[in-house]
Amino acid sequence: MAVKVMVPTPLRQFTGKQASIECTAATVGEALGHLTATFGELRKHLFTDDGRLRSFVNVYLNDEDIRFLEKENTATKDGDTISIVPSIAGGSARREN
């Protein structure tokens, strides 16, 4: 199945500044595998050393969070869009003047 993988701005430095990558994949995991095989430096930002998706990386198939579907085994179909959304934490303490 031809799918589009959307790459968030902070990770585009590892994909040659490409905002999206198209590939053929039957599952979300296959698409992410293709992405990281093509762009090796990206792998350590998405996966742990034992091959699990990092906890701060959220992945959506179209508008559905794959954690509530079949995770990386979620099937894809032609025209699907996979979005990688890294969690962002932070903020600042309230400052008193």
PDB file of N, CA and C in Angstrom:
ATOM      1  N   MET A   1       0.829  -1.169   0.000  1.00  0.00           N
ATOM      2  CA  MET A   1       0.000   0.000   0.000  1.00  0.00           C
ATOM      3  C   MET A   1       0.886   1.251   0.000  1.00  0.00           C
ATOM      4  N   ALA A   2       0.569   2.219  -0.809  1.00  0.00           N
ATOM      5  CA  ALA A   2       1.326   3.468  -0.841  1.00  0.00           C
ATOM      6  C   ALA A   2       0.823   4.379   0.275  1.00  0.00           C
ATOM      7  N   VAL A   3       1.717   4.734   1.183  1.00  0.00           N
ATOM      8  CA  VAL A   3       1.371   5.606   2.305  1.00  0.00           C
ATOM      9  C   VAL A   3       2.348   6.771   2.363  1.00  0.00           C
ATOM     10  N   LYS A   4       1.919   7.823   3.032  1.00  0.00           N
ATOM     11  CA  LYS A   4       2.767   8.990   3.232  1.00  0.00           C
ATOM     12  C   LYS A   4       3.089   9.078   4.721  1.00  0.00           C
ATOM     13  N   VAL A   5       4.369   9.238   5.037  1.00  0.00           N
ATOM     14  CA  VAL A   5       4.800   9.406   6.422  1.00  0.00           C
ATOM     15  C   VAL A   5       5.204  10.861   6.602  1.00  0.00           C
ATOM     16  N   MET A   6       4.518  11.551   7.498  1.00  0.00           N
ATOM     17  CA  MET A   6       4.793  12.954   7.778  1.00  0.00           C
ATOM     18  C   MET A   6       5.887  13.037   8.845  1.00  0.00           C
ATOM     19  N   VAL A   7       6.913  13.813   8.563  1.00  0.00           N
ATOM     20  CA  VAL A   7       8.057  13.951   9.463  1.00  0.00           C
ATOM     21  C   VAL A   7       7.963  15.312  10.154  1.00  0.00           C
ATOM     22  N   PRO A   8       7.963  15.335  11.488  1.00  0.00           N
ATOM     23  CA  PRO A   8       7.862  16.615  12.192  1.00  0.00           C
ATOM     24  C   PRO A   8       9.138  17.449  12.004  1.00  0.00           C
ATOM     25  N   THR A   9       8.987  18.739  12.099  1.00  0.00           N
ATOM     26  CA  THR A   9      10.091  19.670  11.873  1.00  0.00           C
ATOM     27  C   THR A   9      11.368  19.317  12.630  1.00  0.00           C
ATOM     28  N   PRO A  10      11.308  18.973  13.929  1.00  0.00           N
ATOM     29  CA  PRO A  10      12.565  18.685  14.637  1.00  0.00           C
ATOM     30  C   PRO A  10      13.332  17.468  14.094  1.00  0.00           C
ATOM     31  N   LEU A  11      12.649  16.567  13.391  1.00  0.00           N
ATOM     32  CA  LEU A  11      13.305  15.364  12.871  1.00  0.00           C
ATOM     33  C   LEU A  11      13.694  15.472  11.401  1.00  0.00           C
ATOM     34  N   ARG A  12      13.332  16.548  10.759  1.00  0.00           N
ATOM     35  CA  ARG A  12      13.627  16.702   9.325  1.00  0.00           C
ATOM     36  C   ARG A  12      15.116  16.815   9.037  1.00  0.00           C
ATOM     37  N   GLN A  13      15.888  17.196  10.027  1.00  0.00           N
ATOM     38  CA  GLN A  13      17.338  17.249   9.817  1.00  0.00           C
ATOM     39  C   GLN A  13      17.910  15.872   9.505  1.00  0.00           C
ATOM     40  N   PHE A  14      17.180  14.820   9.857  1.00  0.00           N
ATOM     41  CA  PHE A  14      17.629  13.450   9.612  1.00  0.00           C
ATOM     42  C   PHE A  14      17.066  12.876   8.310  1.00  0.00           C
ATOM     43  N   THR A  15      16.173  13.613   7.654  1.00  0.00           N
ATOM     44  CA  THR A  15      15.568  13.147   6.401  1.00  0.00           C
ATOM     45  C   THR A  15      15.910  14.066   5.234  1.00  0.00           C
ATOM     46  N   GLY A  16      17.015  14.760   5.337  1.00  0.00           N
ATOM     47  CA  GLY A  16      17.388  15.672   4.268  1.00  0.00           C
ATOM     48  C   GLY A  16      16.401  16.808   4.104  1.00  0.00           C
ATOM     49  N   LYS A  17      15.799  17.231   5.217  1.00  0.00           N
ATOM     50  CA  LYS A  17      14.835  18.350   5.256  1.00  0.00           C
ATOM     51  C   LYS A  17      13.488  18.006   4.610  1.00  0.00           C
ATOM     52  N   GLN A  18      13.251  16.736   4.340  1.00  0.00           N
ATOM     53  CA  GLN A  18      11.980  16.337   3.732  1.00  0.00           C
ATOM     54  C   GLN A  18      10.870  16.306   4.777  1.00  0.00           C
ATOM     55  N   ALA A  19       9.742  16.917   4.445  1.00  0.00           N
ATOM     56  CA  ALA A  19       8.600  16.979   5.357  1.00  0.00           C
ATOM     57  C   ALA A  19       7.779  15.692   5.335  1.00  0.00           C
ATOM     58  N   SER A  20       7.867  14.952   4.236  1.00  0.00           N
ATOM     59  CA  SER A  20       7.130  13.697   4.148  1.00  0.00           C
ATOM     60  C   SER A  20       7.887  12.737   3.234  1.00  0.00           C
ATOM     61  N   ILE A  21       7.620  11.470   3.466  1.00  0.00           N
ATOM     62  CA  ILE A  21       8.235  10.398   2.700  1.00  0.00           C
ATOM     63  C   ILE A  21       7.111   9.469   2.251  1.00  0.00           C
ATOM     64  N   GLU A  22       7.110   9.078   0.995  1.00  0.00           N
ATOM     65  CA  GLU A  22       6.131   8.106   0.530  1.00  0.00           C
ATOM     66  C   GLU A  22       6.798   6.756   0.392  1.00  0.00           C
ATOM     67  N   CYS A  23       6.080   5.724   0.797  1.00  0.00           N
ATOM     68  CA  CYS A  23       6.623   4.374   0.694  1.00  0.00           C
ATOM     69  C   CYS A  23       5.480   3.382   0.561  1.00  0.00           C
ATOM     70  N   THR A  24       5.841   2.158   0.284  1.00  0.00           N
ATOM     71  CA  THR A  24       4.875   1.075   0.211  1.00  0.00           C
ATOM     72  C   THR A  24       5.001   0.264   1.488  1.00  0.00           C
ATOM     73  N   ALA A  25       3.886   0.118   2.201  1.00  0.00           N
ATOM     74  CA  ALA A  25       3.903  -0.615   3.472  1.00  0.00           C
ATOM     75  C   ALA A  25       2.511  -1.144   3.774  1.00  0.00           C
ATOM     76  N   ALA A  26       2.459  -2.358   4.303  1.00  0.00           N
ATOM     77  CA  ALA A  26       1.180  -2.965   4.673  1.00  0.00           C
ATOM     78  C   ALA A  26       0.772  -2.620   6.099  1.00  0.00           C
ATOM     79  N   THR A  27       1.755  -2.176   6.907  1.00  0.00           N
ATOM     80  CA  THR A  27       1.473  -1.808   8.294  1.00  0.00           C
ATOM     81  C   THR A  27       2.233  -0.524   8.641  1.00  0.00           C
ATOM     82  N   VAL A  28       1.836   0.083   9.740  1.00  0.00           N
ATOM     83  CA  VAL A  28       2.540   1.262  10.238  1.00  0.00           C
ATOM     84  C   VAL A  28       3.986   0.906  10.545  1.00  0.00           C
ATOM     85  N   GLY A  29       4.215  -0.246  11.156  1.00  0.00           N
ATOM     86  CA  GLY A  29       5.570  -0.683  11.493  1.00  0.00           C
ATOM     87  C   GLY A  29       6.447  -0.824  10.261  1.00  0.00           C
ATOM     88  N   GLU A  30       5.895  -1.352   9.168  1.00  0.00           N
ATOM     89  CA  GLU A  30       6.659  -1.467   7.929  1.00  0.00           C
ATOM     90  C   GLU A  30       7.035  -0.091   7.392  1.00  0.00           C
ATOM     91  N   ALA A  31       6.115   0.846   7.472  1.00  0.00           N
ATOM     92  CA  ALA A  31       6.389   2.205   6.991  1.00  0.00           C
ATOM     93  C   ALA A  31       7.493   2.850   7.827  1.00  0.00           C
ATOM     94  N   LEU A  32       7.412   2.705   9.145  1.00  0.00           N
ATOM     95  CA  LEU A  32       8.457   3.269  10.001  1.00  0.00           C
ATOM     96  C   LEU A  32       9.788   2.557   9.774  1.00  0.00           C
ATOM     97  N   GLY A  33       9.729   1.265   9.513  1.00  0.00           N
ATOM     98  CA  GLY A  33      10.942   0.506   9.201  1.00  0.00           C
ATOM     99  C   GLY A  33      11.578   0.992   7.912  1.00  0.00           C
ATOM    100  N   HIS A  34      10.757   1.254   6.912  1.00  0.00           N
ATOM    101  CA  HIS A  34      11.272   1.782   5.637  1.00  0.00           C
ATOM    102  C   HIS A  34      11.909   3.154   5.860  1.00  0.00           C
ATOM    103  N   LEU A  35      11.237   3.984   6.634  1.00  0.00           N
ATOM    104  CA  LEU A  35      11.746   5.323   6.920  1.00  0.00           C
ATOM    105  C   LEU A  35      13.104   5.263   7.602  1.00  0.00           C
ATOM    106  N   THR A  36      13.223   4.420   8.618  1.00  0.00           N
ATOM    107  CA  THR A  36      14.487   4.348   9.364  1.00  0.00           C
ATOM    108  C   THR A  36      15.567   3.572   8.614  1.00  0.00           C
ATOM    109  N   ALA A  37      15.178   2.707   7.691  1.00  0.00           N
ATOM    110  CA  ALA A  37      16.179   2.040   6.854  1.00  0.00           C
ATOM    111  C   ALA A  37      16.763   3.031   5.847  1.00  0.00           C
ATOM    112  N   THR A  38      15.928   3.911   5.357  1.00  0.00           N
ATOM    113  CA  THR A  38      16.371   4.925   4.399  1.00  0.00           C
ATOM    114  C   THR A  38      17.175   6.020   5.083  1.00  0.00           C
ATOM    115  N   PHE A  39      16.750   6.396   6.278  1.00  0.00           N
ATOM    116  CA  PHE A  39      17.390   7.474   7.029  1.00  0.00           C
ATOM    117  C   PHE A  39      17.833   6.915   8.384  1.00  0.00           C
ATOM    118  N   GLY A  40      18.983   6.252   8.391  1.00  0.00           N
ATOM    119  CA  GLY A  40      19.474   5.526   9.560  1.00  0.00           C
ATOM    120  C   GLY A  40      19.597   6.341  10.841  1.00  0.00           C
ATOM    121  N   GLU A  41      19.990   7.600  10.739  1.00  0.00           N
ATOM    122  CA  GLU A  41      20.140   8.436  11.935  1.00  0.00           C
ATOM    123  C   GLU A  41      18.814   8.667  12.649  1.00  0.00           C
ATOM    124  N   LEU A  42      17.730   8.534  11.934  1.00  0.00           N
ATOM    125  CA  LEU A  42      16.405   8.757  12.501  1.00  0.00           C
ATOM    126  C   LEU A  42      15.999   7.652  13.470  1.00  0.00           C
ATOM    127  N   ARG A  43      16.519   6.460  13.258  1.00  0.00           N
ATOM    128  CA  ARG A  43      16.107   5.301  14.064  1.00  0.00           C
ATOM    129  C   ARG A  43      16.244   5.525  15.560  1.00  0.00           C
ATOM    130  N   LYS A  44      17.373   6.059  16.004  1.00  0.00           N
ATOM    131  CA  LYS A  44      17.586   6.231  17.452  1.00  0.00           C
ATOM    132  C   LYS A  44      16.647   7.273  18.060  1.00  0.00           C
ATOM    133  N   HIS A  45      16.049   8.103  17.228  1.00  0.00           N
ATOM    134  CA  HIS A  45      15.110   9.105  17.727  1.00  0.00           C
ATOM    135  C   HIS A  45      13.689   8.567  17.821  1.00  0.00           C
ATOM    136  N   LEU A  46      13.425   7.483  17.118  1.00  0.00           N
ATOM    137  CA  LEU A  46      12.084   6.893  17.126  1.00  0.00           C
ATOM    138  C   LEU A  46      11.988   5.609  17.942  1.00  0.00           C
ATOM    139  N   PHE A  47      13.089   4.831  17.975  1.00  0.00           N
ATOM    140  CA  PHE A  47      13.045   3.507  18.597  1.00  0.00           C
ATOM    141  C   PHE A  47      14.097   3.360  19.688  1.00  0.00           C
ATOM    142  N   THR A  48      13.784   2.525  20.675  1.00  0.00           N
ATOM    143  CA  THR A  48      14.750   2.187  21.718  1.00  0.00           C
ATOM    144  C   THR A  48      15.739   1.175  21.150  1.00  0.00           C
ATOM    145  N   ASP A  49      16.784   0.868  21.908  1.00  0.00           N
ATOM    146  CA  ASP A  49      17.782  -0.102  21.460  1.00  0.00           C
ATOM    147  C   ASP A  49      17.184  -1.483  21.225  1.00  0.00           C
ATOM    148  N   ASP A  50      16.100  -1.807  21.949  1.00  0.00           N
ATOM    149  CA  ASP A  50      15.483  -3.124  21.764  1.00  0.00           C
ATOM    150  C   ASP A  50      14.357  -3.104  20.723  1.00  0.00           C
ATOM    151  N   GLY A  51      14.255  -2.004  19.954  1.00  0.00           N
ATOM    152  CA  GLY A  51      13.333  -1.964  18.833  1.00  0.00           C
ATOM    153  C   GLY A  51      11.920  -1.506  19.124  1.00  0.00           C
ATOM    154  N   ARG A  52      11.669  -1.023  20.338  1.00  0.00           N
ATOM    155  CA  ARG A  52      10.320  -0.539  20.669  1.00  0.00           C
ATOM    156  C   ARG A  52      10.220   0.951  20.366  1.00  0.00           C
ATOM    157  N   LEU A  53       9.053   1.368  19.955  1.00  0.00           N
ATOM    158  CA  LEU A  53       8.814   2.778  19.705  1.00  0.00           C
ATOM    159  C   LEU A  53       9.009   3.541  21.015  1.00  0.00           C
ATOM    160  N   ARG A  54       9.757   4.626  20.977  1.00  0.00           N
ATOM    161  CA  ARG A  54      10.013   5.407  22.191  1.00  0.00           C
ATOM    162  C   ARG A  54       8.701   5.939  22.758  1.00  0.00           C
ATOM    163  N   SER A  55       8.641   6.008  24.087  1.00  0.00           N
ATOM    164  CA  SER A  55       7.396   6.401  24.756  1.00  0.00           C
ATOM    165  C   SER A  55       6.975   7.830  24.449  1.00  0.00           C
ATOM    166  N   PHE A  56       7.919   8.691  24.111  1.00  0.00           N
ATOM    167  CA  PHE A  56       7.566  10.083  23.834  1.00  0.00           C
ATOM    168  C   PHE A  56       7.256  10.338  22.362  1.00  0.00           C
ATOM    169  N   VAL A  57       7.238   9.284  21.557  1.00  0.00           N
ATOM    170  CA  VAL A  57       6.903   9.412  20.142  1.00  0.00           C
ATOM    171  C   VAL A  57       5.481   8.901  19.936  1.00  0.00           C
ATOM    172  N   ASN A  58       4.611   9.783  19.482  1.00  0.00           N
ATOM    173  CA  ASN A  58       3.231   9.410  19.191  1.00  0.00           C
ATOM    174  C   ASN A  58       3.096   9.238  17.683  1.00  0.00           C
ATOM    175  N   VAL A  59       2.392   8.203  17.280  1.00  0.00           N
ATOM    176  CA  VAL A  59       2.220   7.927  15.854  1.00  0.00           C
ATOM    177  C   VAL A  59       0.724   7.802  15.575  1.00  0.00           C
ATOM    178  N   TYR A  60       0.311   8.488  14.523  1.00  0.00           N
ATOM    179  CA  TYR A  60      -1.096   8.488  14.129  1.00  0.00           C
ATOM    180  C   TYR A  60      -1.224   7.944  12.713  1.00  0.00           C
ATOM    181  N   LEU A  61      -2.247   7.131  12.513  1.00  0.00           N
ATOM    182  CA  LEU A  61      -2.623   6.692  11.175  1.00  0.00           C
ATOM    183  C   LEU A  61      -3.863   7.487  10.828  1.00  0.00           C
ATOM    184  N   ASN A  62      -3.715   8.373   9.850  1.00  0.00           N
ATOM    185  CA  ASN A  62      -4.749   9.362   9.555  1.00  0.00           C
ATOM    186  C   ASN A  62      -4.972  10.156  10.847  1.00  0.00           C
ATOM    187  N   ASP A  63      -6.097  10.093  11.485  1.00  0.00           N
ATOM    188  CA  ASP A  63      -6.303  10.848  12.728  1.00  0.00           C
ATOM    189  C   ASP A  63      -6.385   9.954  13.955  1.00  0.00           C
ATOM    190  N   GLU A  64      -6.015   8.685  13.811  1.00  0.00           N
ATOM    191  CA  GLU A  64      -6.145   7.721  14.903  1.00  0.00           C
ATOM    192  C   GLU A  64      -4.790   7.409  15.531  1.00  0.00           C
ATOM    193  N   ASP A  65      -4.717   7.505  16.842  1.00  0.00           N
ATOM    194  CA  ASP A  65      -3.505   7.166  17.585  1.00  0.00           C
ATOM    195  C   ASP A  65      -3.331   5.647  17.528  1.00  0.00           C
ATOM    196  N   ILE A  66      -2.181   5.189  17.014  1.00  0.00           N
ATOM    197  CA  ILE A  66      -1.993   3.739  16.843  1.00  0.00           C
ATOM    198  C   ILE A  66      -1.951   2.991  18.165  1.00  0.00           C
ATOM    199  N   ARG A  67      -1.729   3.691  19.290  1.00  0.00           N
ATOM    200  CA  ARG A  67      -1.746   3.020  20.597  1.00  0.00           C
ATOM    201  C   ARG A  67      -3.119   2.455  20.903  1.00  0.00           C
ATOM    202  N   PHE A  68      -4.161   3.038  20.297  1.00  0.00           N
ATOM    203  CA  PHE A  68      -5.525   2.574  20.528  1.00  0.00           C
ATOM    204  C   PHE A  68      -6.025   1.694  19.396  1.00  0.00           C
ATOM    205  N   LEU A  69      -5.144   1.395  18.452  1.00  0.00           N
ATOM    206  CA  LEU A  69      -5.466   0.473  17.361  1.00  0.00           C
ATOM    207  C   LEU A  69      -4.642  -0.789  17.588  1.00  0.00           C
ATOM    208  N   GLU A  70      -3.845  -1.176  16.633  1.00  0.00           N
ATOM    209  CA  GLU A  70      -3.002  -2.360  16.785  1.00  0.00           C
ATOM    210  C   GLU A  70      -1.526  -1.988  16.855  1.00  0.00           C
ATOM    211  N   LYS A  71      -1.262  -0.796  17.364  1.00  0.00           N
ATOM    212  CA  LYS A  71       0.099  -0.267  17.495  1.00  0.00           C
ATOM    213  C   LYS A  71       0.817  -0.358  16.148  1.00  0.00           C
ATOM    214  N   GLU A  72       2.047  -0.828  16.137  1.00  0.00           N
ATOM    215  CA  GLU A  72       2.809  -0.877  14.892  1.00  0.00           C
ATOM    216  C   GLU A  72       2.279  -1.921  13.908  1.00  0.00           C
ATOM    217  N   ASN A  73       1.430  -2.823  14.378  1.00  0.00           N
ATOM    218  CA  ASN A  73       0.826  -3.824  13.500  1.00  0.00           C
ATOM    219  C   ASN A  73      -0.433  -3.310  12.807  1.00  0.00           C
ATOM    220  N   THR A  74      -0.774  -2.048  13.030  1.00  0.00           N
ATOM    221  CA  THR A  74      -1.956  -1.465  12.408  1.00  0.00           C
ATOM    222  C   THR A  74      -1.805  -1.481  10.889  1.00  0.00           C
ATOM    223  N   ALA A  75      -2.785  -2.069  10.224  1.00  0.00           N
ATOM    224  CA  ALA A  75      -2.758  -2.180   8.764  1.00  0.00           C
ATOM    225  C   ALA A  75      -2.955  -0.821   8.102  1.00  0.00           C
ATOM    226  N   THR A  76      -2.307  -0.646   6.960  1.00  0.00           N
ATOM    227  CA  THR A  76      -2.463   0.567   6.170  1.00  0.00           C
ATOM    228  C   THR A  76      -3.145   0.227   4.855  1.00  0.00           C
ATOM    229  N   LYS A  77      -3.658   1.265   4.213  1.00  0.00           N
ATOM    230  CA  LYS A  77      -4.234   1.104   2.878  1.00  0.00           C
ATOM    231  C   LYS A  77      -3.749   2.253   2.011  1.00  0.00           C
ATOM    232  N   ASP A  78      -3.882   2.115   0.706  1.00  0.00           N
ATOM    233  CA  ASP A  78      -3.430   3.152  -0.223  1.00  0.00           C
ATOM    234  C   ASP A  78      -3.970   4.515   0.180  1.00  0.00           C
ATOM    235  N   GLY A  79      -3.082   5.499   0.195  1.00  0.00           N
ATOM    236  CA  GLY A  79      -3.491   6.867   0.485  1.00  0.00           C
ATOM    237  C   GLY A  79      -3.478   7.250   1.947  1.00  0.00           C
ATOM    238  N   ASP A  80      -3.183   6.310   2.839  1.00  0.00           N
ATOM    239  CA  ASP A  80      -3.129   6.636   4.262  1.00  0.00           C
ATOM    240  C   ASP A  80      -1.975   7.584   4.558  1.00  0.00           C
ATOM    241  N   THR A  81      -2.132   8.337   5.640  1.00  0.00           N
ATOM    242  CA  THR A  81      -1.079   9.227   6.114  1.00  0.00           C
ATOM    243  C   THR A  81      -0.697   8.831   7.528  1.00  0.00           C
ATOM    244  N   ILE A  82       0.589   8.642   7.738  1.00  0.00           N
ATOM    245  CA  ILE A  82       1.131   8.333   9.063  1.00  0.00           C
ATOM    246  C   ILE A  82       1.843   9.590   9.548  1.00  0.00           C
ATOM    247  N   SER A  83       1.480  10.040  10.728  1.00  0.00           N
ATOM    248  CA  SER A  83       2.098  11.232  11.302  1.00  0.00           C
ATOM    249  C   SER A  83       2.884  10.865  12.541  1.00  0.00           C
ATOM    250  N   ILE A  84       4.115  11.341  12.593  1.00  0.00           N
ATOM    251  CA  ILE A  84       4.970  11.156  13.764  1.00  0.00           C
ATOM    252  C   ILE A  84       4.894  12.455  14.558  1.00  0.00           C
ATOM    253  N   VAL A  85       4.496  12.338  15.828  1.00  0.00           N
ATOM    254  CA  VAL A  85       4.332  13.521  16.657  1.00  0.00           C
ATOM    255  C   VAL A  85       5.106  13.317  17.958  1.00  0.00           C
ATOM    256  N   PRO A  86       6.290  13.923  18.073  1.00  0.00           N
ATOM    257  CA  PRO A  86       7.031  13.781  19.326  1.00  0.00           C
ATOM    258  C   PRO A  86       6.353  14.592  20.424  1.00  0.00           C
ATOM    259  N   SER A  87       6.286  14.018  21.622  1.00  0.00           N
ATOM    260  CA  SER A  87       5.733  14.745  22.760  1.00  0.00           C
ATOM    261  C   SER A  87       6.662  15.886  23.107  1.00  0.00           C
ATOM    262  N   ILE A  88       6.074  16.963  23.514  1.00  0.00           N
ATOM    263  CA  ILE A  88       6.870  18.114  23.913  1.00  0.00           C
ATOM    264  C   ILE A  88       6.526  18.424  25.359  1.00  0.00           C
ATOM    265  N   ALA A  89       7.552  18.494  26.175  1.00  0.00           N
ATOM    266  CA  ALA A  89       7.348  18.814  27.582  1.00  0.00           C
ATOM    267  C   ALA A  89       8.096  20.095  27.876  1.00  0.00           C
ATOM    268  N   GLY A  90       7.748  20.659  28.958  1.00  0.00           N
ATOM    269  CA  GLY A  90       8.495  21.850  29.342  1.00  0.00           C
ATOM    270  C   GLY A  90       7.588  22.901  29.912  1.00  0.00           C
ATOM    271  N   GLY A  91       8.065  24.084  29.847  1.00  0.00           N
ATOM    272  CA  GLY A  91       7.349  25.196  30.447  1.00  0.00           C
ATOM    273  C   GLY A  91       8.327  25.914  31.353  1.00  0.00           C
ATOM    274  N   SER A  92       7.826  26.810  32.071  1.00  0.00           N
ATOM    275  CA  SER A  92       8.697  27.530  32.967  1.00  0.00           C
ATOM    276  C   SER A  92       7.982  27.776  34.273  1.00  0.00           C
ATOM    277  N   ALA A  93       8.776  27.922  35.279  1.00  0.00           N
ATOM    278  CA  ALA A  93       8.218  28.227  36.587  1.00  0.00           C
ATOM    279  C   ALA A  93       7.706  29.659  36.579  1.00  0.00           C
ATOM    280  N   ARG A  94       6.727  29.903  37.366  1.00  0.00           N
ATOM    281  CA  ARG A  94       6.181  31.255  37.460  1.00  0.00           C
ATOM    282  C   ARG A  94       7.209  32.152  38.112  1.00  0.00           C
ATOM    283  N   ARG A  95       7.446  33.263  37.489  1.00  0.00           N
ATOM    284  CA  ARG A  95       8.432  34.190  38.032  1.00  0.00           C
ATOM    285  C   ARG A  95       7.726  35.346  38.715  1.00  0.00           C
ATOM    286  N   GLU A  96       8.200  35.651  39.879  1.00  0.00           N
ATOM    287  CA  GLU A  96       7.690  36.798  40.623  1.00  0.00           C
ATOM    288  C   GLU A  96       8.645  37.962  40.438  1.00  0.00           C
ATOM    289  N   ASN A  97       8.125  39.127  40.232  1.00  0.00           N
ATOM    290  CA  ASN A  97       8.982  40.316  40.109  1.00  0.00           C
ATOM    291  C   ASN A  97       9.040  41.085  41.387  1.00  0.00           C
TER     292      ASN A  97
END
